[in-house]
């Protein structure tokens, strides 16, 4: 859940409202693939409920991570415009918010404040994910895992409310 708070905490209420109005929800059955390794994706997702696994999609189909409510999915392909290097599969019925790349690109190109806030939010999100991954590999300081920069912390309380707006809009609460 913390990761979506990093993201939404950097956006303003108008941006979140815009995202709510321009996105939709999708429902995945257990076993459904949200993302297929090697296949281009044109969306950014926020998990609203349920559970997904990130896996190698190889012969052993090794699980890399488990994702739940509040996780952002597809952000790396969104940033790089490259096909994903992993697959993402629902391990239980899952609901996700989805917004298309075309819609986002239009807003990003026409609103410089949104663009700055959006990319800063993604940078914070990815930084947090990298720190967690590094710690899971046995590096870093576990006691620092939950430390949050005071500048980021200011937006986290509002972010919880914003995530609640998204959940309410798509009836996941």
N, C-alpha and C. Protein backbone atom coordinates (compact mmCIF):
# COMPACT_ATOMS: atom_id res chain seq x y z
N UNK A 1 0.83 -1.20 0.00
CA UNK A 1 0.00 0.00 0.00
C UNK A 1 0.87 1.25 0.00
N UNK A 2 2.00 1.20 0.68
CA UNK A 2 2.85 2.37 0.82
C UNK A 2 3.27 2.94 -0.53
N UNK A 3 3.47 2.08 -1.50
CA UNK A 3 3.99 2.57 -2.78
C UNK A 3 3.03 3.49 -3.52
N UNK A 4 1.75 3.17 -3.51
CA UNK A 4 0.79 4.06 -4.17
C UNK A 4 0.73 5.39 -3.43
N UNK A 5 1.01 5.38 -2.14
CA UNK A 5 1.01 6.63 -1.37
C UNK A 5 2.16 7.53 -1.80
N UNK A 6 3.33 6.94 -2.10
CA UNK A 6 4.44 7.74 -2.65
C UNK A 6 3.98 8.42 -3.93
N UNK A 7 3.30 7.66 -4.76
CA UNK A 7 2.87 8.14 -6.07
C UNK A 7 1.79 9.22 -5.94
N UNK A 8 0.69 8.90 -5.30
CA UNK A 8 -0.43 9.83 -5.20
C UNK A 8 -0.11 11.04 -4.33
N UNK A 9 0.83 10.89 -3.41
CA UNK A 9 1.20 11.99 -2.54
C UNK A 9 1.89 13.13 -3.27
N UNK A 10 2.38 12.88 -4.46
CA UNK A 10 3.08 13.91 -5.23
C UNK A 10 2.17 14.59 -6.25
N UNK A 11 0.97 14.07 -6.40
CA UNK A 11 0.01 14.68 -7.33
C UNK A 11 -0.93 15.58 -6.54
N UNK A 12 -1.58 16.50 -7.23
CA UNK A 12 -2.55 17.33 -6.53
C UNK A 12 -3.96 16.77 -6.77
N UNK A 13 -4.94 17.33 -6.07
CA UNK A 13 -6.31 16.82 -6.15
C UNK A 13 -6.87 16.89 -7.57
N UNK A 14 -6.54 17.94 -8.29
CA UNK A 14 -7.04 18.09 -9.67
C UNK A 14 -6.49 16.96 -10.54
N UNK A 15 -5.20 16.65 -10.37
CA UNK A 15 -4.59 15.56 -11.16
C UNK A 15 -5.21 14.22 -10.84
N UNK A 16 -5.46 13.97 -9.57
CA UNK A 16 -6.06 12.69 -9.17
C UNK A 16 -7.49 12.61 -9.72
N UNK A 17 -8.24 13.69 -9.64
CA UNK A 17 -9.59 13.71 -10.21
C UNK A 17 -9.53 13.44 -11.72
N UNK A 18 -8.57 14.06 -12.39
CA UNK A 18 -8.42 13.84 -13.83
C UNK A 18 -8.14 12.36 -14.11
N UNK A 19 -7.25 11.76 -13.31
CA UNK A 19 -6.93 10.34 -13.50
C UNK A 19 -8.16 9.47 -13.28
N UNK A 20 -8.94 9.77 -12.24
CA UNK A 20 -10.14 9.00 -11.96
C UNK A 20 -11.11 9.08 -13.15
N UNK A 21 -11.31 10.27 -13.68
CA UNK A 21 -12.25 10.46 -14.79
C UNK A 21 -11.77 9.82 -16.09
N UNK A 22 -10.46 9.70 -16.25
CA UNK A 22 -9.92 9.22 -17.53
C UNK A 22 -9.44 7.78 -17.50
N UNK A 23 -9.58 7.13 -16.37
CA UNK A 23 -9.22 5.73 -16.26
C UNK A 23 -10.46 4.87 -16.09
N UNK A 24 -10.26 3.60 -15.97
CA UNK A 24 -11.36 2.67 -15.76
C UNK A 24 -10.87 1.52 -14.90
N UNK A 25 -11.76 0.60 -14.62
CA UNK A 25 -11.33 -0.57 -13.84
C UNK A 25 -11.43 -1.80 -14.71
N UNK A 26 -10.55 -2.74 -14.40
CA UNK A 26 -10.60 -4.04 -15.05
C UNK A 26 -10.64 -5.10 -13.95
N UNK A 27 -11.27 -6.20 -14.27
CA UNK A 27 -11.36 -7.31 -13.33
C UNK A 27 -10.66 -8.51 -13.95
N UNK A 28 -9.81 -9.14 -13.14
CA UNK A 28 -9.05 -10.29 -13.60
C UNK A 28 -9.46 -11.52 -12.79
N UNK A 29 -9.65 -12.62 -13.48
CA UNK A 29 -9.92 -13.89 -12.81
C UNK A 29 -8.59 -14.52 -12.41
N UNK A 30 -8.62 -15.40 -11.45
CA UNK A 30 -7.42 -16.13 -11.04
C UNK A 30 -6.81 -16.80 -12.27
N UNK A 31 -5.52 -16.60 -12.45
CA UNK A 31 -4.80 -17.17 -13.59
C UNK A 31 -4.70 -16.25 -14.80
N UNK A 32 -5.45 -15.17 -14.81
CA UNK A 32 -5.40 -14.23 -15.93
C UNK A 32 -4.09 -13.46 -15.92
N UNK A 33 -3.55 -13.21 -17.12
CA UNK A 33 -2.33 -12.42 -17.23
C UNK A 33 -2.68 -10.96 -17.46
N UNK A 34 -2.18 -10.12 -16.59
CA UNK A 34 -2.32 -8.68 -16.77
C UNK A 34 -1.27 -8.20 -17.75
N UNK A 35 -0.06 -8.75 -17.59
CA UNK A 35 1.07 -8.39 -18.46
C UNK A 35 1.75 -9.68 -18.91
N UNK A 36 2.04 -9.75 -20.19
CA UNK A 36 2.72 -10.91 -20.78
C UNK A 36 4.15 -10.51 -21.14
N UNK A 37 5.11 -11.24 -20.62
CA UNK A 37 6.51 -10.99 -20.93
C UNK A 37 6.71 -10.88 -22.44
N UNK A 38 7.41 -9.80 -22.86
CA UNK A 38 7.74 -9.61 -24.26
C UNK A 38 6.65 -8.95 -25.10
N UNK A 39 5.45 -8.81 -24.55
CA UNK A 39 4.35 -8.20 -25.29
C UNK A 39 4.18 -6.75 -24.86
N UNK A 40 4.18 -5.82 -25.80
CA UNK A 40 4.06 -4.40 -25.43
C UNK A 40 2.79 -4.14 -24.62
N UNK A 41 2.87 -3.21 -23.69
CA UNK A 41 1.69 -2.80 -22.94
C UNK A 41 1.49 -1.30 -23.14
N UNK A 42 0.26 -0.91 -23.17
CA UNK A 42 -0.07 0.49 -23.40
C UNK A 42 -0.85 1.11 -22.25
N UNK A 43 -0.67 0.55 -21.06
CA UNK A 43 -1.42 1.01 -19.91
C UNK A 43 -0.55 1.09 -18.66
N UNK A 44 -1.03 1.86 -17.72
CA UNK A 44 -0.47 1.93 -16.38
C UNK A 44 -1.57 1.43 -15.46
N UNK A 45 -1.22 0.62 -14.46
CA UNK A 45 -2.22 0.00 -13.60
C UNK A 45 -1.93 0.32 -12.13
N UNK A 46 -3.01 0.42 -11.35
CA UNK A 46 -2.91 0.47 -9.89
C UNK A 46 -3.81 -0.65 -9.39
N UNK A 47 -3.25 -1.55 -8.58
CA UNK A 47 -4.03 -2.66 -8.04
C UNK A 47 -4.96 -2.11 -6.96
N UNK A 48 -6.25 -2.36 -7.12
CA UNK A 48 -7.26 -1.90 -6.16
C UNK A 48 -7.58 -2.98 -5.12
N UNK A 49 -7.63 -4.22 -5.57
CA UNK A 49 -7.87 -5.34 -4.66
C UNK A 49 -7.37 -6.61 -5.33
N UNK A 50 -7.17 -7.64 -4.53
CA UNK A 50 -6.71 -8.91 -5.06
C UNK A 50 -5.22 -9.07 -4.93
N UNK A 51 -4.68 -9.99 -5.72
CA UNK A 51 -3.25 -10.28 -5.64
C UNK A 51 -2.72 -10.73 -7.00
N UNK A 52 -1.54 -10.25 -7.31
CA UNK A 52 -0.84 -10.60 -8.55
C UNK A 52 0.54 -11.11 -8.19
N UNK A 53 1.12 -11.92 -9.07
CA UNK A 53 2.52 -12.28 -8.93
C UNK A 53 3.27 -11.81 -10.16
N UNK A 54 4.48 -11.37 -9.93
CA UNK A 54 5.41 -11.03 -11.00
C UNK A 54 6.27 -12.27 -11.18
N UNK A 55 6.33 -12.81 -12.40
CA UNK A 55 7.08 -14.04 -12.61
C UNK A 55 7.88 -14.00 -13.90
N UNK A 56 8.85 -14.89 -13.98
CA UNK A 56 9.76 -14.91 -15.12
C UNK A 56 9.11 -15.41 -16.39
N UNK A 57 8.05 -16.21 -16.27
CA UNK A 57 7.33 -16.75 -17.42
C UNK A 57 8.23 -17.67 -18.26
N UNK A 58 9.23 -18.25 -17.60
CA UNK A 58 10.11 -19.20 -18.27
C UNK A 58 9.67 -20.62 -17.95
N UNK A 59 10.56 -21.57 -18.18
CA UNK A 59 10.24 -22.97 -17.92
C UNK A 59 9.91 -23.21 -16.45
N UNK A 60 10.63 -22.53 -15.56
CA UNK A 60 10.37 -22.71 -14.12
C UNK A 60 9.36 -21.70 -13.57
N UNK A 61 9.03 -20.67 -14.35
CA UNK A 61 8.05 -19.65 -13.99
C UNK A 61 8.26 -19.14 -12.56
N UNK A 62 9.48 -18.76 -12.26
CA UNK A 62 9.86 -18.31 -10.92
C UNK A 62 9.13 -17.03 -10.52
N UNK A 63 8.59 -17.03 -9.31
CA UNK A 63 7.93 -15.84 -8.78
C UNK A 63 8.98 -14.87 -8.25
N UNK A 64 8.89 -13.64 -8.71
CA UNK A 64 9.82 -12.59 -8.32
C UNK A 64 9.25 -11.75 -7.19
N UNK A 65 7.94 -11.47 -7.27
CA UNK A 65 7.30 -10.63 -6.27
C UNK A 65 5.80 -10.91 -6.26
N UNK A 66 5.20 -10.59 -5.12
CA UNK A 66 3.75 -10.66 -4.97
C UNK A 66 3.25 -9.23 -4.77
N UNK A 67 2.20 -8.87 -5.49
CA UNK A 67 1.68 -7.52 -5.46
C UNK A 67 0.23 -7.52 -4.98
N UNK A 68 -0.11 -6.55 -4.15
CA UNK A 68 -1.47 -6.43 -3.66
C UNK A 68 -1.99 -5.02 -3.87
N UNK A 69 -3.06 -4.70 -3.16
CA UNK A 69 -3.70 -3.39 -3.28
C UNK A 69 -2.68 -2.28 -3.05
N UNK A 70 -2.74 -1.28 -3.91
CA UNK A 70 -1.86 -0.13 -3.78
C UNK A 70 -0.58 -0.21 -4.58
N UNK A 71 -0.36 -1.32 -5.25
CA UNK A 71 0.85 -1.44 -6.08
C UNK A 71 0.59 -0.86 -7.46
N UNK A 72 1.62 -0.30 -8.04
CA UNK A 72 1.56 0.22 -9.40
C UNK A 72 2.24 -0.79 -10.30
N UNK A 73 1.64 -1.07 -11.44
CA UNK A 73 2.14 -2.10 -12.35
C UNK A 73 2.23 -1.50 -13.76
N UNK A 74 3.31 -1.85 -14.46
CA UNK A 74 3.49 -1.39 -15.83
C UNK A 74 4.27 -0.10 -15.94
N UNK A 75 4.76 0.40 -14.82
CA UNK A 75 5.43 1.70 -14.81
C UNK A 75 6.76 1.68 -15.56
N UNK A 76 7.48 0.56 -15.52
CA UNK A 76 8.77 0.52 -16.20
C UNK A 76 8.57 0.58 -17.72
N UNK A 77 7.63 -0.18 -18.23
CA UNK A 77 7.34 -0.13 -19.67
C UNK A 77 6.77 1.21 -20.06
N UNK A 78 6.02 1.84 -19.14
CA UNK A 78 5.48 3.17 -19.41
C UNK A 78 6.63 4.17 -19.58
N UNK A 79 7.61 4.09 -18.71
CA UNK A 79 8.73 5.03 -18.77
C UNK A 79 9.64 4.79 -19.97
N UNK A 80 9.90 3.54 -20.26
CA UNK A 80 10.89 3.21 -21.28
C UNK A 80 10.30 2.87 -22.65
N UNK A 81 9.00 2.70 -22.73
CA UNK A 81 8.35 2.26 -23.97
C UNK A 81 8.97 0.97 -24.49
N UNK A 82 9.33 0.08 -23.57
CA UNK A 82 9.88 -1.23 -23.93
C UNK A 82 8.93 -2.31 -23.44
N UNK A 83 8.99 -3.44 -24.11
CA UNK A 83 8.17 -4.58 -23.68
C UNK A 83 8.63 -5.06 -22.32
N UNK A 84 7.71 -5.56 -21.50
CA UNK A 84 8.08 -6.02 -20.17
C UNK A 84 8.97 -7.26 -20.22
N UNK A 85 9.82 -7.38 -19.22
CA UNK A 85 10.75 -8.50 -19.12
C UNK A 85 10.22 -9.60 -18.20
N UNK A 86 9.01 -9.40 -17.68
CA UNK A 86 8.35 -10.37 -16.80
C UNK A 86 6.86 -10.40 -17.13
N UNK A 87 6.20 -11.41 -16.60
CA UNK A 87 4.74 -11.48 -16.71
C UNK A 87 4.14 -11.16 -15.36
N UNK A 88 2.90 -10.69 -15.36
CA UNK A 88 2.16 -10.40 -14.13
C UNK A 88 0.84 -11.14 -14.23
N UNK A 89 0.60 -12.03 -13.25
CA UNK A 89 -0.55 -12.94 -13.30
C UNK A 89 -1.36 -12.82 -12.01
N UNK A 90 -2.68 -12.84 -12.13
CA UNK A 90 -3.56 -12.80 -10.97
C UNK A 90 -3.54 -14.16 -10.27
N UNK A 91 -3.29 -14.15 -8.97
CA UNK A 91 -3.32 -15.39 -8.19
C UNK A 91 -4.63 -15.51 -7.41
N UNK A 92 -5.46 -14.49 -7.53
CA UNK A 92 -6.81 -14.50 -6.98
C UNK A 92 -7.58 -13.44 -7.76
N UNK A 93 -8.91 -13.44 -7.66
CA UNK A 93 -9.64 -12.39 -8.37
C UNK A 93 -9.08 -11.02 -8.00
N UNK A 94 -8.82 -10.22 -9.00
CA UNK A 94 -8.14 -8.94 -8.81
C UNK A 94 -8.84 -7.84 -9.59
N UNK A 95 -8.89 -6.67 -8.98
CA UNK A 95 -9.44 -5.49 -9.64
C UNK A 95 -8.33 -4.45 -9.72
N UNK A 96 -8.18 -3.83 -10.88
CA UNK A 96 -7.14 -2.82 -11.06
C UNK A 96 -7.71 -1.60 -11.77
N UNK A 97 -7.18 -0.45 -11.41
CA UNK A 97 -7.44 0.79 -12.13
C UNK A 97 -6.50 0.79 -13.32
N UNK A 98 -6.97 1.21 -14.47
CA UNK A 98 -6.14 1.24 -15.67
C UNK A 98 -6.32 2.57 -16.38
N UNK A 99 -5.22 3.12 -16.85
CA UNK A 99 -5.26 4.33 -17.67
C UNK A 99 -4.31 4.12 -18.84
N UNK A 100 -4.75 4.49 -20.03
CA UNK A 100 -3.95 4.21 -21.23
C UNK A 100 -2.79 5.18 -21.38
N UNK A 101 -1.78 4.70 -22.06
CA UNK A 101 -0.60 5.52 -22.36
C UNK A 101 -1.00 6.74 -23.19
N UNK A 102 -1.88 6.57 -24.17
CA UNK A 102 -2.27 7.70 -25.02
C UNK A 102 -2.92 8.81 -24.21
N UNK A 103 -3.81 8.44 -23.31
CA UNK A 103 -4.48 9.43 -22.46
C UNK A 103 -3.46 10.13 -21.57
N UNK A 104 -2.58 9.34 -20.95
CA UNK A 104 -1.56 9.92 -20.08
C UNK A 104 -0.61 10.81 -20.87
N UNK A 105 -0.19 10.36 -22.05
CA UNK A 105 0.73 11.16 -22.86
C UNK A 105 0.12 12.52 -23.22
N UNK A 106 -1.16 12.52 -23.51
CA UNK A 106 -1.84 13.77 -23.83
C UNK A 106 -1.79 14.74 -22.65
N UNK A 107 -2.08 14.24 -21.47
CA UNK A 107 -2.04 15.09 -20.27
C UNK A 107 -0.61 15.52 -19.95
N UNK A 108 0.33 14.61 -20.09
CA UNK A 108 1.73 14.93 -19.79
C UNK A 108 2.27 16.01 -20.73
N UNK A 109 1.86 15.96 -21.99
CA UNK A 109 2.38 16.93 -22.95
C UNK A 109 1.69 18.29 -22.84
N UNK A 110 0.49 18.32 -22.27
CA UNK A 110 -0.24 19.59 -22.20
C UNK A 110 -0.20 20.27 -20.83
N UNK A 111 0.33 19.59 -19.81
CA UNK A 111 0.32 20.14 -18.46
C UNK A 111 1.68 19.91 -17.81
N UNK A 112 2.52 20.93 -17.82
CA UNK A 112 3.89 20.77 -17.30
C UNK A 112 3.93 20.50 -15.80
N UNK A 113 3.00 21.05 -15.03
CA UNK A 113 2.97 20.75 -13.59
C UNK A 113 2.66 19.28 -13.35
N UNK A 114 1.66 18.77 -14.07
CA UNK A 114 1.33 17.35 -13.95
C UNK A 114 2.51 16.49 -14.36
N UNK A 115 3.17 16.85 -15.45
CA UNK A 115 4.32 16.09 -15.94
C UNK A 115 5.42 16.03 -14.88
N UNK A 116 5.75 17.17 -14.29
CA UNK A 116 6.80 17.21 -13.27
C UNK A 116 6.40 16.37 -12.06
N UNK A 117 5.18 16.53 -11.60
CA UNK A 117 4.72 15.78 -10.43
C UNK A 117 4.64 14.29 -10.71
N UNK A 118 4.15 13.92 -11.88
CA UNK A 118 4.00 12.51 -12.25
C UNK A 118 5.36 11.82 -12.30
N UNK A 119 6.32 12.43 -12.98
CA UNK A 119 7.63 11.77 -13.09
C UNK A 119 8.38 11.77 -11.76
N UNK A 120 8.20 12.79 -10.95
CA UNK A 120 8.80 12.78 -9.61
C UNK A 120 8.18 11.67 -8.78
N UNK A 121 6.86 11.52 -8.88
CA UNK A 121 6.16 10.46 -8.15
C UNK A 121 6.66 9.08 -8.58
N UNK A 122 6.83 8.87 -9.89
CA UNK A 122 7.35 7.59 -10.37
C UNK A 122 8.78 7.36 -9.89
N UNK A 123 9.58 8.41 -9.87
CA UNK A 123 10.96 8.27 -9.38
C UNK A 123 10.97 7.83 -7.92
N UNK A 124 10.14 8.44 -7.08
CA UNK A 124 10.05 8.03 -5.68
C UNK A 124 9.59 6.60 -5.54
N UNK A 125 8.58 6.25 -6.32
CA UNK A 125 8.04 4.89 -6.29
C UNK A 125 9.12 3.87 -6.67
N UNK A 126 9.82 4.13 -7.76
CA UNK A 126 10.86 3.20 -8.21
C UNK A 126 12.04 3.16 -7.26
N UNK A 127 12.38 4.29 -6.66
CA UNK A 127 13.45 4.32 -5.67
C UNK A 127 13.10 3.43 -4.49
N UNK A 128 11.86 3.54 -4.02
CA UNK A 128 11.42 2.72 -2.90
C UNK A 128 11.46 1.24 -3.27
N UNK A 129 11.02 0.92 -4.47
CA UNK A 129 11.03 -0.49 -4.91
C UNK A 129 12.46 -1.01 -5.00
N UNK A 130 13.38 -0.20 -5.50
CA UNK A 130 14.78 -0.62 -5.60
C UNK A 130 15.40 -0.83 -4.22
N UNK A 131 15.10 0.07 -3.28
CA UNK A 131 15.60 -0.12 -1.91
C UNK A 131 15.10 -1.41 -1.31
N UNK A 132 13.82 -1.71 -1.52
CA UNK A 132 13.24 -2.94 -0.99
C UNK A 132 13.90 -4.16 -1.61
N UNK A 133 14.11 -4.12 -2.92
CA UNK A 133 14.77 -5.23 -3.62
C UNK A 133 16.19 -5.41 -3.12
N UNK A 134 16.91 -4.32 -2.96
CA UNK A 134 18.29 -4.38 -2.46
C UNK A 134 18.33 -4.99 -1.07
N UNK A 135 17.39 -4.59 -0.23
CA UNK A 135 17.32 -5.13 1.13
C UNK A 135 17.01 -6.62 1.11
N UNK A 136 16.11 -7.06 0.21
CA UNK A 136 15.77 -8.47 0.11
C UNK A 136 16.94 -9.31 -0.37
N UNK A 137 17.87 -8.68 -1.07
CA UNK A 137 19.07 -9.37 -1.53
C UNK A 137 20.14 -9.43 -0.44
N UNK A 138 19.85 -8.85 0.72
CA UNK A 138 20.78 -8.90 1.83
C UNK A 138 21.67 -7.69 1.97
N UNK A 139 21.37 -6.65 1.22
CA UNK A 139 22.14 -5.42 1.30
C UNK A 139 21.28 -4.34 1.96
N UNK A 140 21.88 -3.24 2.28
CA UNK A 140 21.13 -2.16 2.90
C UNK A 140 20.95 -2.38 4.38
N UNK A 141 20.13 -1.55 4.98
CA UNK A 141 19.89 -1.60 6.41
C UNK A 141 18.41 -1.85 6.64
N UNK A 142 18.05 -3.05 7.10
CA UNK A 142 16.62 -3.36 7.32
C UNK A 142 15.92 -2.36 8.24
N UNK A 143 16.63 -1.81 9.20
CA UNK A 143 16.00 -0.86 10.13
C UNK A 143 15.61 0.44 9.44
N UNK A 144 16.15 0.69 8.25
CA UNK A 144 15.82 1.90 7.51
C UNK A 144 14.72 1.68 6.47
N UNK A 145 14.21 0.45 6.38
CA UNK A 145 13.24 0.10 5.34
C UNK A 145 12.03 1.02 5.33
N UNK A 146 11.51 1.35 6.48
CA UNK A 146 10.28 2.13 6.54
C UNK A 146 10.50 3.62 6.76
N UNK A 147 11.75 4.08 6.70
CA UNK A 147 12.01 5.50 6.84
C UNK A 147 11.54 6.23 5.58
N UNK A 148 10.92 7.37 5.79
CA UNK A 148 10.41 8.15 4.66
C UNK A 148 10.94 9.57 4.80
N UNK A 149 11.44 10.11 3.72
CA UNK A 149 11.90 11.50 3.67
C UNK A 149 10.79 12.42 4.15
N UNK A 150 11.10 13.36 5.00
CA UNK A 150 10.10 14.27 5.56
C UNK A 150 9.34 15.03 4.46
N UNK A 151 10.01 15.35 3.36
CA UNK A 151 9.35 16.04 2.25
C UNK A 151 8.30 15.15 1.58
N UNK A 152 8.57 13.86 1.55
CA UNK A 152 7.63 12.91 0.96
C UNK A 152 6.48 12.66 1.94
N UNK A 153 6.81 12.61 3.22
CA UNK A 153 5.83 12.31 4.25
C UNK A 153 4.67 13.30 4.25
N UNK A 154 4.94 14.55 3.93
CA UNK A 154 3.89 15.57 3.90
C UNK A 154 2.73 15.17 2.98
N UNK A 155 3.04 14.53 1.87
CA UNK A 155 2.00 14.17 0.91
C UNK A 155 1.33 12.84 1.18
N UNK A 156 1.89 12.03 2.08
CA UNK A 156 1.38 10.68 2.28
C UNK A 156 -0.02 10.68 2.89
N UNK A 157 -0.30 11.57 3.82
CA UNK A 157 -1.63 11.60 4.43
C UNK A 157 -2.69 11.91 3.38
N UNK A 158 -2.43 12.90 2.54
CA UNK A 158 -3.37 13.22 1.46
C UNK A 158 -3.47 12.07 0.47
N UNK A 159 -2.37 11.37 0.27
CA UNK A 159 -2.36 10.27 -0.69
C UNK A 159 -3.32 9.17 -0.26
N UNK A 160 -3.41 8.91 1.04
CA UNK A 160 -4.34 7.90 1.53
C UNK A 160 -5.77 8.27 1.17
N UNK A 161 -6.09 9.53 1.33
CA UNK A 161 -7.42 10.03 0.96
C UNK A 161 -7.64 9.91 -0.55
N UNK A 162 -6.63 10.19 -1.33
CA UNK A 162 -6.74 10.11 -2.80
C UNK A 162 -6.93 8.66 -3.26
N UNK A 163 -6.20 7.74 -2.62
CA UNK A 163 -6.37 6.33 -2.97
C UNK A 163 -7.79 5.90 -2.59
N UNK A 164 -8.29 6.40 -1.48
CA UNK A 164 -9.67 6.14 -1.08
C UNK A 164 -10.66 6.62 -2.14
N UNK A 165 -10.38 7.79 -2.74
CA UNK A 165 -11.24 8.31 -3.81
C UNK A 165 -11.28 7.34 -4.99
N UNK A 166 -10.12 6.81 -5.34
CA UNK A 166 -10.05 5.88 -6.46
C UNK A 166 -10.83 4.60 -6.11
N UNK A 167 -10.63 4.09 -4.90
CA UNK A 167 -11.34 2.88 -4.48
C UNK A 167 -12.85 3.11 -4.47
N UNK A 168 -13.27 4.27 -3.96
CA UNK A 168 -14.69 4.58 -3.94
C UNK A 168 -15.27 4.70 -5.34
N UNK A 169 -14.56 5.36 -6.22
CA UNK A 169 -15.03 5.57 -7.59
C UNK A 169 -15.24 4.23 -8.30
N UNK A 170 -14.36 3.29 -8.02
CA UNK A 170 -14.45 1.99 -8.69
C UNK A 170 -15.03 0.92 -7.78
N UNK A 171 -15.71 1.37 -6.70
CA UNK A 171 -16.47 0.50 -5.78
C UNK A 171 -15.67 -0.66 -5.22
N UNK A 172 -14.49 -0.38 -4.72
CA UNK A 172 -13.66 -1.44 -4.13
C UNK A 172 -13.56 -1.31 -2.62
N UNK A 173 -14.44 -0.49 -2.01
CA UNK A 173 -14.47 -0.41 -0.55
C UNK A 173 -15.86 -0.70 -0.04
